[in-house]
Amino acid sequence: MGPTQEPIDPVRYISNRSSGRMGAALAREGLKRGHEITIISGPVNIPLPEGARIHRVTTSGQMIKTTLSELEKGYDVMISAAAISDYSVDYKEKKIDSGRELSLKLKPQVKLTKHAKELYPKTLVVAFKAETNAKGDELVKKARKKIHDEGVDLVVANDVSGRVFGSGENEVYIVNGGVLHVPRASKALVSEKIWDAVESKIQILLLR
């Protein structure tokens, strides 16, 4: 949950605006339902729910490594609500001088949800898909593409153009075989709907 920070030099980094509030709400709801919860959190400034095992990380590399290491223990569900950087950057050991033009070479990062599903196919993997200026049909289309491309079990898609990051509210489309639109509501309520979908998916898989 939360953002990652990709260091450029000892004082600068690339990051994003994720607050971790959606991930924290999901963890609280999971605990409320009696599930054992492990949180792998990037740098956030919010309280994390008591009762969960917590790992704190900074970079996308640390987030990916820690998550895959945890999955080796045999988790039933992985909900990837973190805003993991899509790119890493070559780190400079010494602070880069200011006052001149600077170009950075960004390298594509591994897609955690895809990699996790490939390594642990029995784990139900829930991915998030954040877009900007995208309407419902477009969000659903991109969510279905993510399911196809990555092999994940369920995608939660949302438009982050408005007041989503740092807000206590969210509007999402939960996509697997069907589509559930959750209109703008508290992240606590949205997390309930996501867990409902996860538990329904688990029941379907158990009946196979």
Foldseek 3Di string as FASTA:
>chain_A
DEKAWAAAEPPDTDIDLAQCLLVQLLQVVCVVVPHAAEEEEEDHDDDHDPRHHYHYDHALVVSLVVVLVVCVVPAQEDEPPYPHDQWHWDHDHHDDDDDDDDDTDTDGDDDSQLVSCVVPVNHQYEEEAEAAPDDDVRQQVVQVVCCVVRVHAKYWYFYVHDPDRVDQWGWTWIDHPHIDTDGIDGSNVVSVVVVVVVVVVVVVVVVD
